[in-house]
Amino acid sequence: MLTQTTSRVLEPGDLDAALAVLDREPVANAFVTARVQIAGLDPWRLGGEMWGWYEDGMLTSLCYAGANLVPICAGPRAVRAFADRARRAGRRCSSIVGPAEPTALLWRLLEPGWGPARDVRAHQPLMVTDHLSLDVTPDPYVRRVRKDEMERIMPACVAMFTEEVGISPLAGDGGLLYQARVAELVGSGRSFARFDADGRVVFKAEIGAATDRACQIQGVWVAPEYRGQGLAAPGMAAVLRYALADVAPVASLYVNDFNTAARRTYLRVGFQEVGAFMSVLF
């Protein structure tokens, strides 16, 4: 019998209730929603546990506990319950990420036992659009990456990840998991790039998480020798055109607040800031 408020690990039979919570914020929750729609709530397939917070017998909040710890639609009481559970389990994640307010509270509760973090990015604007700006012409040379171009796109992906996160994705397992993820995006037609005459990547981006309501653009990168030449906005416009036409009616991304050049680029192609995420990196 459920008490008035309680938390527990969700089971496959809780799928419909979990999806109803996720559907309350389809843009912010796109990453977790996409995983749950594919894998359900079985921890082995999902790559982690899904914790639920109940009030008066109703599931109202979630927390995904896998490679990332992600609070979902979580108020202060739910966050405290998830922090208690996380402390008992010990840190297994490489990051805490989610909407800024609940993620900040979660980190304050966990920092005494889990800190120090390698990096804390307290304010990462969440940007959304459902249309392509008429002010930027999509780059006609940006296209889907083919499966036979993995060797060309992979170095650019590694460079982007290392620059963005501060560590190489090849560490630990030699990059097997990261390479598998890149191959998955290429194979599903959600990896995009512009190549120069020598076959080197000039610009790249991916459409990562995708549901029928929203998708998330990620991994935006311009080769260092091509920066400052006006390639980012047309490249993003090209990827955004693909996203809105082929994937979902709304596209989103989140960006570091200190990356003013990227934020200007995204505003130019039609994105608007609607909220903020926070990331704690270990």
Protein backbone atom coordinates (compact mmCIF):
# COMPACT_ATOMS: atom_id res chain seq x y z
CA MET A 1 0.00 0.00 0.00
CA LEU A 2 1.48 3.36 -1.03
CA THR A 3 1.84 5.96 1.69
CA GLN A 4 0.80 9.56 1.07
CA THR A 5 4.23 10.33 -0.40
CA THR A 6 6.83 7.77 -1.35
CA SER A 7 9.49 6.95 -3.91
CA ARG A 8 10.40 3.65 -5.50
CA VAL A 9 12.10 2.07 -8.48
CA LEU A 10 9.60 1.81 -11.32
CA GLU A 11 8.86 -1.47 -13.07
CA PRO A 12 7.81 -2.27 -16.66
CA GLY A 13 4.16 -2.20 -15.60
CA ASP A 14 4.53 1.48 -14.69
CA LEU A 15 5.32 2.48 -18.28
CA ASP A 16 2.06 4.28 -19.11
CA ALA A 17 2.18 6.33 -15.91
CA ALA A 18 5.83 7.25 -16.54
CA LEU A 19 5.12 8.31 -20.11
CA ALA A 20 2.27 10.51 -18.87
CA VAL A 21 4.71 12.34 -16.59
CA LEU A 22 7.28 12.69 -19.37
CA ASP A 23 4.61 14.02 -21.74
CA ARG A 24 3.96 17.01 -19.45
CA GLU A 25 7.17 18.65 -20.69
CA PRO A 26 7.88 17.08 -24.11
CA VAL A 27 10.75 19.41 -25.03
CA ALA A 28 12.70 19.37 -21.77
CA ASN A 29 12.15 15.62 -21.37
CA ALA A 30 12.91 14.59 -24.96
CA PHE A 31 16.16 12.79 -24.10
CA VAL A 32 14.61 10.54 -21.45
CA THR A 33 11.31 10.13 -23.31
CA ALA A 34 13.11 8.85 -26.39
CA ARG A 35 14.97 6.24 -24.33
CA VAL A 36 11.84 5.10 -22.51
CA GLN A 37 9.79 4.84 -25.71
CA ILE A 38 12.43 2.49 -27.15
CA ALA A 39 13.48 0.52 -24.06
CA GLY A 40 10.55 0.71 -21.67
CA LEU A 41 11.40 0.66 -17.96
CA ASP A 42 13.43 -2.54 -17.84
CA PRO A 43 16.72 -1.37 -16.25
CA TRP A 44 18.89 -3.56 -18.47
CA ARG A 45 17.37 -2.25 -21.71
CA LEU A 46 16.99 1.32 -20.40
CA GLY A 47 20.59 1.52 -19.24
CA GLY A 48 19.59 2.48 -15.70
CA GLU A 49 16.74 2.66 -13.23
CA MET A 50 13.77 4.98 -13.34
CA TRP A 51 12.79 6.26 -9.92
CA GLY A 52 9.27 7.47 -9.26
CA TRP A 53 7.85 9.90 -6.70
CA TYR A 54 4.24 9.42 -5.66
CA GLU A 55 1.87 11.86 -4.01
CA ASP A 56 -1.49 10.52 -2.81
CA GLY A 57 -0.94 7.39 -4.85
CA MET A 58 -0.23 9.27 -8.11
CA LEU A 59 3.08 9.21 -9.92
CA THR A 60 4.07 12.89 -10.23
CA SER A 61 7.86 12.98 -10.71
CA LEU A 62 10.66 10.83 -12.13
CA CYS A 63 14.41 10.56 -11.94
CA TYR A 64 16.44 8.65 -14.51
CA ALA A 65 19.47 7.05 -12.87
CA GLY A 66 21.85 5.74 -15.51
CA ALA A 67 24.97 7.22 -17.08
CA ASN A 68 23.28 10.53 -16.26
CA LEU A 69 21.17 11.40 -13.23
CA VAL A 70 18.18 13.35 -14.56
CA PRO A 71 15.35 14.80 -12.41
CA ILE A 72 12.07 15.03 -14.33
CA CYS A 73 9.08 17.22 -13.41
CA ALA A 74 10.48 17.18 -9.89
CA GLY A 75 9.50 19.57 -7.12
CA PRO A 76 11.54 20.05 -3.94
CA ARG A 77 10.10 17.09 -2.04
CA ALA A 78 10.64 14.75 -4.96
CA VAL A 79 14.21 16.03 -5.41
CA ARG A 80 14.98 15.37 -1.75
CA ALA A 81 13.65 11.83 -2.05
CA PHE A 82 15.72 11.23 -5.18
CA ALA A 83 18.82 12.66 -3.45
CA ASP A 84 18.32 10.27 -0.52
CA ARG A 85 18.05 7.33 -2.89
CA ALA A 86 21.10 8.48 -4.85
CA ARG A 87 23.19 8.83 -1.70
CA ARG A 88 22.27 5.32 -0.60
CA ALA A 89 23.10 3.87 -4.03
CA GLY A 90 26.38 5.77 -4.40
CA ARG A 91 27.47 7.71 -7.45
CA ARG A 92 27.30 5.65 -10.64
CA CYS A 93 26.67 8.46 -13.12
CA SER A 94 29.13 10.60 -15.06
CA SER A 95 26.90 13.67 -14.85
CA ILE A 96 23.79 15.19 -13.32
CA VAL A 97 21.76 17.07 -15.91
CA GLY A 98 18.28 18.50 -16.16
CA PRO A 99 16.16 21.62 -15.71
CA ALA A 100 18.24 24.14 -13.77
CA GLU A 101 16.14 24.59 -10.61
CA PRO A 102 15.63 20.94 -9.58
CA THR A 103 19.12 20.00 -10.74
CA ALA A 104 20.65 22.76 -8.60
CA LEU A 105 18.77 21.51 -5.53
CA LEU A 106 19.73 17.91 -6.29
CA TRP A 107 23.38 18.90 -6.55
CA ARG A 108 23.29 20.91 -3.30
CA LEU A 109 22.01 17.82 -1.52
CA LEU A 110 24.51 15.46 -3.13
CA GLU A 111 27.62 17.64 -3.25
CA PRO A 112 28.74 16.94 0.36
CA GLY A 113 29.01 13.24 -0.45
CA TRP A 114 29.63 13.26 -4.20
CA GLY A 115 31.72 16.39 -4.67
CA PRO A 116 33.81 17.95 -5.85
CA ALA A 117 32.57 17.95 -9.43
CA ARG A 118 34.96 18.30 -12.35
CA ASP A 119 32.77 21.09 -13.75
CA VAL A 120 29.44 22.72 -12.90
CA ARG A 121 27.53 24.52 -15.67
CA ALA A 122 24.79 26.17 -13.69
CA HIS A 123 22.96 27.94 -16.52
CA GLN A 124 22.63 26.42 -19.97
CA PRO A 125 19.86 28.15 -21.95
CA LEU A 126 17.25 25.78 -23.39
CA MET A 127 16.33 26.96 -26.88
CA VAL A 128 13.37 25.88 -29.01
CA THR A 129 11.89 26.55 -32.43
CA ASP A 130 9.14 25.20 -34.65
CA HIS A 131 10.19 27.13 -37.75
CA LEU A 132 13.21 28.09 -39.82
CA SER A 133 14.16 31.76 -39.94
CA LEU A 134 13.89 33.40 -43.35
CA ASP A 135 17.02 35.43 -42.55
CA VAL A 136 19.45 32.52 -43.01
CA THR A 137 19.77 30.40 -46.15
CA PRO A 138 20.48 26.74 -45.34
CA ASP A 139 23.91 25.57 -46.46
CA PRO A 140 23.29 23.39 -49.55
CA TYR A 141 26.50 21.44 -48.87
CA VAL A 142 25.35 20.15 -45.47
CA ARG A 143 23.96 16.65 -45.92
CA ARG A 144 23.37 13.35 -44.16
CA VAL A 145 26.54 11.44 -43.35
CA ARG A 146 26.68 8.08 -45.11
CA LYS A 147 27.48 4.82 -43.37
CA ASP A 148 30.70 4.50 -45.36
CA GLU A 149 31.87 7.87 -43.98
CA MET A 150 32.28 6.78 -40.35
CA GLU A 151 36.06 7.15 -40.53
CA ARG A 152 35.62 10.75 -41.72
CA ILE A 153 33.02 11.84 -39.17
CA MET A 154 34.45 10.10 -36.11
CA PRO A 155 37.51 12.37 -35.59
CA ALA A 156 35.26 15.43 -35.74
CA CYS A 157 32.89 13.89 -33.19
CA VAL A 158 35.79 13.11 -30.85
CA ALA A 159 37.18 16.63 -31.24
CA MET A 160 33.78 18.19 -30.50
CA PHE A 161 33.17 16.02 -27.44
CA THR A 162 36.64 16.65 -26.02
CA GLU A 163 36.32 20.40 -26.55
CA GLU A 164 32.84 20.53 -25.06
CA VAL A 165 33.11 18.12 -22.13
CA GLY A 166 36.79 18.44 -21.30
CA ILE A 167 37.69 14.75 -21.56
CA SER A 168 38.03 12.39 -24.51
CA PRO A 169 35.16 9.98 -25.23
CA LEU A 170 37.84 7.43 -26.10
CA ALA A 171 38.91 7.11 -22.46
CA GLY A 172 37.90 4.08 -20.44
CA ASP A 173 36.62 1.55 -22.98
CA GLY A 174 38.70 2.89 -25.85
CA GLY A 175 35.67 4.66 -27.27
CA LEU A 176 33.58 1.57 -28.06
CA LEU A 177 30.36 2.96 -26.58
CA TYR A 178 30.90 6.38 -28.12
CA GLN A 179 31.67 4.93 -31.54
CA ALA A 180 28.53 2.79 -31.30
CA ARG A 181 26.44 5.89 -30.54
CA VAL A 182 27.94 7.80 -33.48
CA ALA A 183 27.29 4.81 -35.74
CA GLU A 184 23.69 4.66 -34.50
CA LEU A 185 23.10 8.30 -35.42
CA VAL A 186 24.74 7.86 -38.81
CA GLY A 187 22.75 4.70 -39.49
CA SER A 188 19.46 6.38 -38.58
CA GLY A 189 20.14 9.35 -40.86
CA ARG A 190 20.48 11.85 -38.00
CA SER A 191 24.14 12.80 -38.48
CA PHE A 192 24.87 15.77 -40.75
CA ALA A 193 28.05 17.35 -42.05
CA ARG A 194 29.68 19.50 -44.67
CA PHE A 195 32.95 18.15 -46.09
CA ASP A 196 35.73 20.06 -47.82
CA ALA A 197 37.34 19.02 -51.10
CA ASP A 198 39.71 16.68 -49.25
CA GLY A 199 36.87 14.92 -47.42
CA ARG A 200 37.52 16.58 -44.06
CA VAL A 201 34.61 17.70 -41.90
CA VAL A 202 34.04 21.45 -42.03
CA PHE A 203 30.77 21.55 -40.05
CA LYS A 204 28.77 18.88 -38.27
CA ALA A 205 25.75 18.38 -36.02
CA GLU A 206 23.40 15.58 -35.05
CA ILE A 207 19.74 15.19 -34.25
CA GLY A 208 20.07 13.20 -31.04
CA ALA A 209 17.02 12.42 -28.95
CA ALA A 210 13.83 12.30 -31.00
CA THR A 211 10.17 11.69 -30.21
CA ASP A 212 7.05 12.39 -32.24
CA ARG A 213 6.71 15.74 -30.42
CA ALA A 214 10.26 17.09 -30.16
CA CYS A 215 13.85 16.43 -31.14
CA GLN A 216 17.15 17.70 -29.81
CA ILE A 217 20.03 18.98 -31.94
CA GLN A 218 23.46 18.28 -30.47
CA GLY A 219 27.16 18.07 -31.26
CA VAL A 220 27.30 21.30 -33.25
CA TRP A 221 30.90 21.88 -34.34
CA VAL A 222 32.90 23.87 -36.85
CA ALA A 223 36.48 22.83 -37.62
CA PRO A 224 38.85 25.32 -35.95
CA GLU A 225 40.47 26.40 -39.22
CA TYR A 226 37.04 27.32 -40.63
CA ARG A 227 35.72 29.29 -37.66
CA GLY A 228 34.82 32.92 -38.20
CA GLN A 229 33.88 32.33 -41.84
CA GLY A 230 30.09 32.35 -41.38
CA LEU A 231 29.53 28.59 -41.73
CA ALA A 232 27.73 27.90 -38.45
CA ALA A 233 24.40 29.65 -39.10
CA PRO A 234 23.80 28.23 -42.62
CA GLY A 235 24.92 24.80 -41.37
CA MET A 236 22.53 24.94 -38.43
CA ALA A 237 19.75 26.13 -40.71
CA ALA A 238 20.32 23.10 -42.94
CA VAL A 239 20.17 20.68 -39.99
CA LEU A 240 17.11 22.45 -38.59
CA ARG A 241 15.34 22.13 -41.94
CA TYR A 242 15.94 18.37 -41.89
CA ALA A 243 14.82 18.13 -38.25
CA LEU A 244 11.51 19.94 -38.73
CA ALA A 245 10.71 18.25 -42.04
CA ASP A 246 11.68 14.68 -41.21
CA VAL A 247 11.86 14.17 -37.43
CA ALA A 248 9.58 16.28 -35.20
CA PRO A 249 7.51 19.49 -35.28
CA VAL A 250 9.70 21.14 -32.63
CA ALA A 251 13.50 21.23 -32.38
CA SER A 252 15.46 22.10 -29.25
CA LEU A 253 18.99 22.35 -27.92
CA TYR A 254 20.78 23.62 -24.87
CA VAL A 255 23.97 25.62 -24.89
CA ASN A 256 26.52 26.90 -22.39
CA ASP A 257 25.67 30.44 -21.34
CA PHE A 258 29.26 31.56 -21.87
CA ASN A 259 29.18 30.49 -25.53
CA THR A 260 27.86 33.80 -26.81
CA ALA A 261 28.77 33.11 -30.44
CA ALA A 262 26.74 29.90 -30.49
CA ARG A 263 23.79 31.57 -28.78
CA ARG A 264 23.78 34.34 -31.40
CA THR A 265 23.90 31.74 -34.17
CA TYR A 266 20.95 29.81 -32.78
CA LEU A 267 18.90 32.98 -32.38
CA ARG A 268 19.64 33.89 -36.01
CA VAL A 269 18.28 30.62 -37.35
CA GLY A 270 15.05 30.88 -35.36
CA PHE A 271 15.61 29.47 -31.87
CA GLN A 272 14.29 31.24 -28.78
CA GLU A 273 15.33 30.76 -25.16
CA VAL A 274 12.52 29.19 -23.12
CA GLY A 275 14.28 27.95 -20.00
CA ALA A 276 17.58 26.66 -18.70
CA PHE A 277 19.33 23.39 -18.01
CA MET A 278 22.16 22.68 -15.58
CA SER A 279 24.95 20.10 -15.89
CA VAL A 280 27.27 18.75 -13.20
CA LEU A 281 30.19 16.82 -14.74
CA PHE A 282 32.31 14.26 -12.86
